[in-house]
Protein backbone atom coordinates (compact mmCIF):
# COMPACT_ATOMS: atom_id res chain seq x y z
CA MET A 1 150.47 140.35 30.82
CA GLY A 2 152.99 139.52 33.56
CA SER A 3 156.12 141.76 34.24
CA SER A 4 156.53 143.20 30.60
CA ASP A 5 157.97 146.47 29.83
CA ASP A 6 154.66 147.92 29.06
CA ASP A 7 153.80 147.43 32.51
CA SER A 8 155.92 149.98 33.51
CA ASP A 9 153.89 152.78 31.75
CA ARG A 10 150.60 151.49 33.19
CA LYS A 11 149.25 153.43 36.17
CA THR A 12 146.25 153.50 38.42
CA SER A 13 143.83 156.49 38.02
CA GLY A 14 145.23 157.89 41.05
CA GLY A 15 148.84 157.87 39.64
CA ALA A 16 150.57 154.98 41.40
CA SER A 17 152.01 152.95 38.38
CA ARG A 18 152.08 149.27 38.47
CA ARG A 19 155.27 148.33 37.02
CA GLY A 20 155.97 144.42 36.56
CA ARG A 21 159.32 143.46 38.73
CA PRO A 22 161.16 140.59 39.83
CA ALA A 23 159.40 138.83 42.71
CA GLY A 24 161.00 140.05 45.73
CA SER A 25 162.10 143.19 44.83
CA ARG A 26 161.53 146.12 47.17
CA GLY A 27 158.67 148.41 46.34
CA ARG A 28 159.89 150.77 43.53
CA GLY A 29 157.00 149.95 41.40
CA GLY A 30 155.81 153.45 41.19
CA GLY A 31 159.06 154.63 39.43
CA SER A 32 158.88 157.71 37.35
CA SER A 33 157.00 156.77 34.01
CA GLY A 34 156.56 159.46 31.37
CA ASN A 35 153.04 159.96 32.74
CA SER A 36 153.89 160.50 36.37
CA SER A 37 153.50 164.11 36.33
CA SER A 38 149.72 163.83 35.85
CA SER A 39 149.28 162.77 39.44
CA SER A 40 151.35 165.38 41.20
CA GLY A 41 149.96 166.22 44.45
CA GLY A 42 147.80 163.34 44.50
CA GLY A 43 144.94 165.45 42.99
CA GLY A 44 141.62 163.60 42.33
CA VAL A 45 142.51 160.56 44.36
CA THR A 46 139.97 159.35 46.65
CA SER A 47 141.41 157.25 49.53
CA TYR A 48 139.35 154.58 51.50
CA LYS A 49 137.96 155.73 54.58
CA ILE A 50 138.17 153.23 57.18
CA PRO A 51 134.66 152.16 58.62
CA GLU A 52 133.97 153.72 61.72
CA ASP A 53 132.78 150.51 63.34
CA ILE A 54 136.31 149.12 63.19
CA ALA A 55 138.41 152.33 63.04
CA ALA A 56 139.17 152.49 66.47
CA LYS A 57 140.09 148.88 66.41
CA VAL A 58 142.75 149.58 63.86
CA ASN A 59 143.98 152.97 64.94
CA ALA A 60 143.35 152.81 68.60
CA PRO A 61 146.37 152.63 71.15
CA ARG A 62 147.87 149.29 71.76
CA THR A 63 146.24 147.87 74.94
CA SER A 64 148.65 146.55 77.67
CA SER A 65 148.11 143.09 76.59
CA GLU A 66 149.02 144.10 72.97
CA GLN A 67 152.18 145.91 74.25
CA GLY A 68 153.41 143.11 76.11
CA ARG A 69 153.23 140.69 72.81
CA ASN A 70 156.46 139.12 72.17
CA SER A 71 157.70 138.07 68.63
CA ALA A 72 155.67 135.01 68.83
CA GLY A 73 152.52 136.89 69.47
CA LEU A 74 152.09 135.82 73.11
CA LYS A 75 150.03 138.19 75.31
CA THR A 76 148.28 138.56 78.70
CA GLY A 77 146.27 135.43 79.42
CA ASP A 78 147.98 132.94 77.39
CA PHE A 79 149.37 129.93 78.96
CA LEU A 80 153.17 128.56 78.68
CA ILE A 81 155.33 125.43 79.32
CA SER A 82 159.07 125.86 80.09
CA VAL A 83 160.90 124.01 77.67
CA GLU A 84 162.85 122.69 80.29
CA ASP A 85 160.16 121.16 81.99
CA ILE A 86 158.56 119.46 78.93
CA ASN A 87 160.17 116.04 79.81
CA LEU A 88 158.58 115.90 83.26
CA GLU A 89 155.61 113.60 83.93
CA THR A 90 153.45 116.31 85.13
CA PRO A 91 155.05 119.80 84.30
CA PRO A 92 153.81 122.88 85.57
CA ILE A 93 152.38 125.59 83.27
CA TRP A 94 152.39 129.55 83.62
CA ARG A 95 149.96 132.08 82.49
CA ILE A 96 151.13 135.37 81.28
CA ASP A 97 150.22 138.28 83.68
CA GLY A 98 151.40 141.47 82.12
CA LYS A 99 154.31 142.49 80.27
CA PHE A 100 156.84 140.96 82.58
CA LEU A 101 155.15 138.38 84.94
CA ILE A 102 154.09 134.78 84.88
CA GLN A 103 151.88 133.14 87.25
CA LYS A 104 152.49 129.33 88.27
CA TYR A 105 149.76 126.80 87.93
CA GLU A 106 150.41 123.25 89.48
CA PRO A 107 148.70 119.80 88.38
CA ILE A 108 145.98 118.64 90.53
CA LYS A 109 146.82 115.07 91.48
CA GLY A 110 144.25 112.32 91.47
CA LYS A 111 141.66 113.93 88.98
CA GLY A 112 141.96 111.89 86.02
CA GLN A 113 142.56 115.11 83.64
CA ARG A 114 145.45 117.50 83.31
CA LEU A 115 144.02 119.85 85.65
CA TYR A 116 146.02 122.71 87.02
CA LYS A 117 145.21 125.24 89.87
CA ASN A 118 146.44 128.52 90.19
CA MET A 119 149.35 129.14 92.87
CA GLY A 120 150.59 132.38 94.38
CA THR A 121 153.97 131.90 92.73
CA TYR A 122 155.11 134.57 90.01
CA MET A 123 158.06 135.10 88.13
CA SER A 124 159.78 137.28 85.68
CA TRP A 125 160.14 136.00 82.17
CA ALA A 126 160.98 139.12 79.97
CA ALA A 127 164.70 138.06 79.55
CA ASP A 128 163.57 134.27 78.97
CA THR A 129 160.86 134.14 76.33
CA GLU A 130 162.51 131.83 74.02
CA LYS A 131 162.48 129.23 76.86
CA PHE A 132 158.70 128.84 76.89
CA ARG A 133 156.07 127.38 74.50
CA PRO A 134 152.60 128.37 74.32
CA VAL A 135 150.06 125.72 75.40
CA SER A 136 146.13 125.62 75.25
CA VAL A 137 144.00 125.10 78.17
CA ARG A 138 140.14 124.92 78.85
CA TYR A 139 138.92 126.90 81.98
CA HIS A 140 136.92 124.56 84.44
CA GLN A 141 136.39 126.95 87.34
CA MET A 142 137.08 130.73 87.51
CA GLY A 143 136.55 132.01 91.03
CA ARG A 144 137.88 135.44 92.73
CA THR A 145 140.84 133.41 94.36
CA GLU A 146 140.89 130.13 92.65
CA THR A 147 141.24 129.20 89.01
CA ILE A 148 141.30 125.56 87.45
CA VAL A 149 142.21 124.93 83.80
CA GLU A 150 142.56 121.68 81.91
CA LEU A 151 145.71 121.29 79.84
CA LEU A 152 144.74 120.44 76.25
CA ASP A 153 147.86 119.77 74.52
CA ASN A 154 150.14 116.94 75.24
CA PRO A 155 153.76 118.77 75.81
CA HIS A 156 155.24 115.32 75.26
CA SER A 157 153.92 115.23 71.72
CA SER A 158 156.71 115.71 69.06
CA THR A 159 153.67 117.16 66.73
CA PHE A 160 153.09 119.74 69.48
CA ASN A 161 156.62 120.86 69.66
CA LEU A 162 157.39 121.13 65.96
CA SER A 163 154.17 121.71 63.91
CA LYS A 164 154.24 125.52 64.33
CA MET A 165 158.11 125.85 63.95
CA LEU A 166 157.93 123.81 60.85
CA SER A 167 154.76 125.67 59.64
CA ILE A 168 156.55 128.99 60.13
CA GLU A 169 159.62 127.73 58.03
CA GLU A 170 157.74 126.16 55.34
CA THR A 171 155.65 129.61 54.72
CA SER A 172 158.64 131.59 54.57
CA LYS A 173 158.64 130.74 50.62
CA TYR A 174 155.65 133.11 50.46
CA LEU A 175 157.77 136.20 51.24
CA ASP A 176 158.08 137.40 47.69
CA ASN A 177 154.52 136.64 46.76
CA PHE A 178 153.64 138.44 50.11
CA GLU A 179 155.38 141.69 49.06
CA ILE A 180 153.52 142.00 45.84
CA PHE A 181 150.18 140.91 47.97
CA ILE A 182 150.84 143.85 50.19
CA GLN A 183 151.68 146.22 47.08
CA THR A 184 148.37 145.64 45.59
CA LEU A 185 146.68 146.46 48.94
CA VAL A 186 148.52 149.65 49.34
CA SER A 187 147.69 150.52 46.06
CA GLN A 188 143.95 149.90 46.58
CA ALA A 189 144.08 152.02 49.57
CA LEU A 190 145.51 154.69 47.44
CA ASP A 191 142.88 154.01 44.63
CA PRO A 192 139.81 152.24 45.02
CA ASN A 193 139.44 151.61 41.88
CA PHE A 194 142.75 149.57 41.58
CA LEU A 195 141.46 145.98 42.27
CA VAL A 196 138.55 146.41 39.63
CA GLU A 197 141.15 147.52 37.21
CA ILE A 198 143.89 144.90 37.41
CA THR A 199 140.93 142.00 37.51
CA GLN A 200 139.43 143.56 34.33
CA GLU A 201 142.64 143.74 32.81
CA GLY A 202 143.95 140.05 33.95
CA ASP A 203 147.17 141.57 35.39
CA GLU A 204 149.21 138.59 36.05
CA TYR A 205 151.92 140.48 37.87
CA PHE A 206 149.57 141.37 40.84
CA MET A 207 146.72 138.59 40.41
CA LYS A 208 149.06 135.78 40.15
CA ASN A 209 150.95 136.73 43.62
CA VAL A 210 147.34 137.47 45.29
CA ALA A 211 146.18 134.18 44.26
CA ILE A 212 149.30 132.35 45.67
CA VAL A 213 148.71 134.00 49.09
CA GLN A 214 145.04 133.53 49.31
CA GLU A 215 145.47 129.95 48.50
CA ALA A 216 147.85 129.36 51.20
CA ASN A 217 145.33 131.22 53.57
CA LEU A 218 142.45 128.99 52.20
CA THR A 219 144.29 125.83 53.08
CA ARG A 220 144.22 127.01 56.60
CA LYS A 221 140.56 128.02 56.66
CA ASN A 222 139.82 124.36 55.39
CA LYS A 223 141.79 123.02 58.13
CA ILE A 224 139.66 124.73 60.64
CA MET A 225 136.43 123.58 58.77
CA GLU A 226 137.45 120.01 58.91
CA LEU A 227 137.96 120.49 62.73
CA LYS A 228 135.05 122.38 63.66
CA SER A 229 131.57 123.37 62.05
CA TRP A 230 128.98 126.03 63.18
CA ASP A 231 125.20 126.38 62.64
CA GLU A 232 124.01 128.04 59.59
CA SER A 233 123.62 131.31 61.22
CA THR A 234 127.01 131.47 63.16
CA GLN A 235 128.82 130.39 60.05
CA GLU A 236 126.93 133.42 58.10
CA GLU A 237 128.22 135.85 60.83
CA LEU A 238 131.80 134.54 60.64
CA ASP A 239 131.94 134.81 57.01
CA SER A 240 130.42 138.26 56.50
CA LEU A 241 131.34 140.35 59.96
CA PRO A 242 135.18 141.18 59.97
CA VAL A 243 135.52 141.84 63.93
CA LEU A 244 135.69 139.25 66.44
CA GLU A 245 136.31 140.11 70.14
CA LEU A 246 136.82 137.40 73.07
CA VAL A 247 135.57 138.47 76.43
CA LEU A 248 136.73 136.28 79.34
CA LEU A 249 134.01 135.29 81.73
CA ARG A 250 134.77 135.44 85.21
CA ASN A 251 132.68 134.57 88.40
CA VAL A 252 129.87 133.28 86.12
CA PRO A 253 128.44 129.75 86.52
CA PRO A 254 129.25 127.16 83.77
CA SER A 255 126.77 126.72 81.21
CA GLU A 256 126.32 124.80 77.95
CA CYS A 257 128.69 125.86 74.94
CA ALA A 258 126.67 126.98 71.86
CA VAL A 259 128.81 125.02 69.86
CA CYS A 260 130.08 121.70 71.12
CA HIS A 261 127.50 121.73 73.90
CA GLN A 262 129.80 120.86 76.59
CA THR A 263 129.32 122.78 80.05
CA ALA A 264 132.66 124.79 80.43
CA ASN A 265 132.00 128.07 79.12
CA ALA A 266 134.84 130.54 79.56
CA ARG A 267 134.61 132.86 76.66
CA LEU A 268 131.85 135.18 75.19
CA VAL A 269 132.35 135.75 71.42
CA GLN A 270 131.22 138.85 69.93
CA ILE A 271 130.96 139.23 66.14
CA TYR A 272 130.20 142.45 64.37
CA GLY A 273 131.50 144.97 61.80
CA ARG A 274 130.19 146.12 58.43
CA PRO A 275 130.04 143.38 55.61
CA TYR A 276 132.22 144.30 52.89
CA ASP A 277 132.66 143.09 49.12
CA PRO A 278 135.72 140.68 48.93
CA SER A 279 136.56 141.48 45.47
CA THR A 280 137.17 145.27 46.22
CA LEU A 281 137.19 145.31 49.88
CA LEU A 282 134.75 148.53 50.11
CA ILE A 283 132.10 148.42 52.37
CA GLN A 284 128.63 147.23 50.89
CA GLU A 285 126.68 150.66 51.52
CA ASN A 286 123.40 149.03 50.46
CA VAL A 287 123.74 146.09 53.24
CA PRO A 288 122.44 147.30 56.49
CA THR A 289 124.73 147.05 59.45
CA PRO A 290 123.68 144.18 61.56
CA GLY A 291 123.83 144.28 65.47
CA LYS A 292 126.55 142.80 67.72
CA ARG A 293 126.15 139.02 67.65
CA GLN A 294 127.10 137.24 71.04
CA HIS A 295 127.80 133.42 71.72
CA ASN A 296 128.97 131.75 74.99
CA MET A 297 131.67 129.43 73.87
CA CYS A 298 134.15 127.10 75.73
CA SER A 299 137.67 128.24 75.16
CA PHE A 300 138.23 125.69 72.38
CA CYS A 301 135.39 126.56 70.28
CA ALA A 302 136.01 130.18 70.89
CA GLY A 303 139.54 129.92 70.09
CA LEU A 304 138.82 128.13 66.82
CA ALA A 305 136.33 131.06 66.02
CA ASP A 306 138.97 133.47 66.54
CA LEU A 307 141.38 131.91 64.14
CA TYR A 308 138.75 131.30 61.43
CA ASN A 309 138.01 135.14 61.77
CA LYS A 310 141.60 135.60 61.17
CA VAL A 311 141.84 133.65 57.99
CA GLN A 312 138.52 134.42 56.70
CA HIS A 313 139.21 138.32 56.69
CA LEU A 314 142.81 138.12 56.25
CA THR A 315 143.05 140.08 53.16
CA TYR A 316 140.43 142.68 54.68
CA HIS A 317 142.50 142.98 57.59
CA LEU A 318 145.59 143.56 56.09
CA TYR A 319 144.05 146.16 53.59
CA LEU A 320 142.91 148.01 56.82
CA ARG A 321 146.52 147.93 57.98
CA CYS A 322 147.49 149.39 54.71
CA CYS A 323 144.89 152.07 54.76
CA GLU A 324 146.37 152.99 58.12
CA LYS A 325 149.79 153.31 57.07
CA VAL A 326 148.63 155.34 54.07
CA THR A 327 146.56 157.66 56.24
CA LEU A 328 149.75 158.08 58.49
CA ARG A 329 152.09 158.66 55.40
CA LYS A 330 149.89 161.42 54.01
CA LYS A 331 149.83 163.34 57.29
CA GLU A 332 153.67 163.45 57.08
CA SER A 333 153.02 165.11 53.85
CA ALA A 334 149.82 165.59 52.49
CA ASP A 335 151.28 167.02 48.93
CA ASP A 336 153.15 163.86 48.03
CA ASP A 337 151.66 162.19 44.99
CA THR A 338 150.73 158.38 45.31
CA THR A 339 153.76 156.93 43.58
CA LEU A 340 155.99 158.41 45.93
CA ILE A 341 153.77 157.36 48.85
CA LEU A 342 153.53 153.87 47.49
CA ASN A 343 157.38 153.68 47.10
CA ASP A 344 158.05 154.91 50.54
CA ILE A 345 155.58 152.26 52.35
CA LEU A 346 156.87 149.48 50.56
CA ALA A 347 160.60 150.56 51.36
CA ASP A 348 159.48 150.11 55.01
CA GLU A 349 161.18 146.84 55.58
CA LYS A 350 160.32 146.64 59.26
CA TRP A 351 156.48 147.10 58.62
CA LEU A 352 156.50 144.56 55.68
CA SER A 353 158.32 141.81 57.89
CA LYS A 354 156.04 142.40 60.87
CA ALA A 355 152.81 142.13 58.59
CA PHE A 356 154.43 138.87 57.07
CA SER A 357 155.53 137.51 60.68
CA ASP A 358 151.88 138.06 61.81
CA VAL A 359 150.38 136.10 58.88
CA GLN A 360 152.69 133.45 59.45
CA HIS A 361 151.80 133.13 63.26
CA ILE A 362 148.16 132.85 62.39
CA TRP A 363 148.74 130.03 59.70
CA GLY A 364 151.23 128.49 62.24
CA ASP A 365 148.56 128.28 65.11
CA VAL A 366 146.01 126.55 62.47
CA ASP A 367 148.66 124.30 61.39
CA GLN A 368 149.60 123.27 65.12
CA ILE A 369 145.94 122.61 66.22
CA TYR A 370 145.34 120.54 63.02
CA ALA A 371 148.48 118.46 63.43
CA ALA A 372 147.63 117.98 67.22
CA ALA A 373 144.09 116.74 66.28
CA LYS A 374 145.32 114.54 63.42
CA GLU A 375 147.80 112.65 65.94
CA GLU A 376 145.14 112.05 68.29
CA GLN A 377 143.01 110.72 65.51
CA GLU A 378 145.66 108.32 64.44
CA GLY A 379 146.45 107.31 67.86
CA GLY A 380 142.90 105.75 68.18
CA LYS A 381 141.11 108.78 69.71
CA VAL A 382 138.56 110.93 68.26
CA ALA A 383 139.50 114.31 68.32
CA SER A 384 136.86 116.35 70.23
CA PRO A 385 136.68 119.95 71.31
CA GLY A 386 138.23 119.17 74.77
CA LYS A 387 141.05 117.55 73.09
CA ALA A 388 142.72 119.91 70.76
CA GLY A 389 143.27 123.33 71.81
CA THR A 390 144.25 126.53 70.52
CA SER A 391 145.35 129.92 72.40
CA GLY A 392 143.55 132.08 69.98
CA LYS A 393 146.33 134.59 69.56
CA ALA A 394 145.65 137.30 66.87
CA ALA A 395 146.41 140.91 65.88
CA SER A 396 142.84 141.29 64.82
CA SER A 397 140.83 140.62 67.82
CA THR A 398 141.12 141.34 71.49
CA GLU A 399 140.15 139.89 74.83
CA LYS A 400 138.46 141.43 77.76
CA THR A 401 137.38 140.32 81.18
CA ALA A 402 133.57 140.34 82.24
CA SER A 403 132.69 139.58 85.72
CA ALA A 404 129.18 138.89 86.84
């Protein structure tokens, strides 16, 4: 089918036309076909309702940590290293403490590991974010006044310094495909039959670009699976439940990680949400909603679970983002037809760019940890849960703090 002229006359049941366009053109796909008047006012359109169990996560006001994210997706609790200190033998590291401050962690000498202890030194970094790079740590001790972490990344590694940057540069080629991918998801948010229709029709314009983005995402999923495997029950939870939260455990005694069985727990992983049909992105109404599943994991295993959640449910999370955008747009003018709504949303360059950047950073996090693990393997070391890390940054999950 592709992008022939006939495509310009086909439209969804809700009236949002599906016009084939050169890849990368901004969303003018609705156009004004001869049949567009049949959908004026959006009559008969059934917009998808965001499930209540995750609506709060999609629509809730930003938390302080989310408001503090910079363009690299860094947030409160993430650890950093100064670019100027990378060449030092034992460089200090810093923990983000709110929107404007970072707390210093100094290396502990003579421990045989890259262990760091929190200090009473803080500094502002709001104007110098580009001078820092994220690093991954494992919590060893968390008390009321003293915290000890192990630096998992090797800041002297060329792979560490380049892999995420190169990943983001490489995935920029998917921008045109991503725009059509988002057009597909917005159309599905406007008309819940859209995905079924284009699948039945074999619509190449949409299906080809959706497949390209999903294949790039599958590559990252496979990388995580190569680094980490979960038991069958946990794997099923990660695959089917779309919401994952990380809870930072404070003032609790160390216990065995449920995945790697090392004694260095720092995270409670909570997995929940209503299962959905991946082919339609609609909630499976006939499937009972499972209760919240909880697992104690070390920071590395929890970070990988967090990343896996992001790539496994990437399409669904983006779909919810599109549902939110459609809902907000309809509140502005409830009488606009779906074609106009679609065009206006796709013309929002800032919104599209932010969505694409978020996806690139998710993929970049996966590529970075995978490259670091492979570098250690090639160096004669077997990668283990304590030797390659991820800071677990994400748009879809949040981190809370729990104390005993």
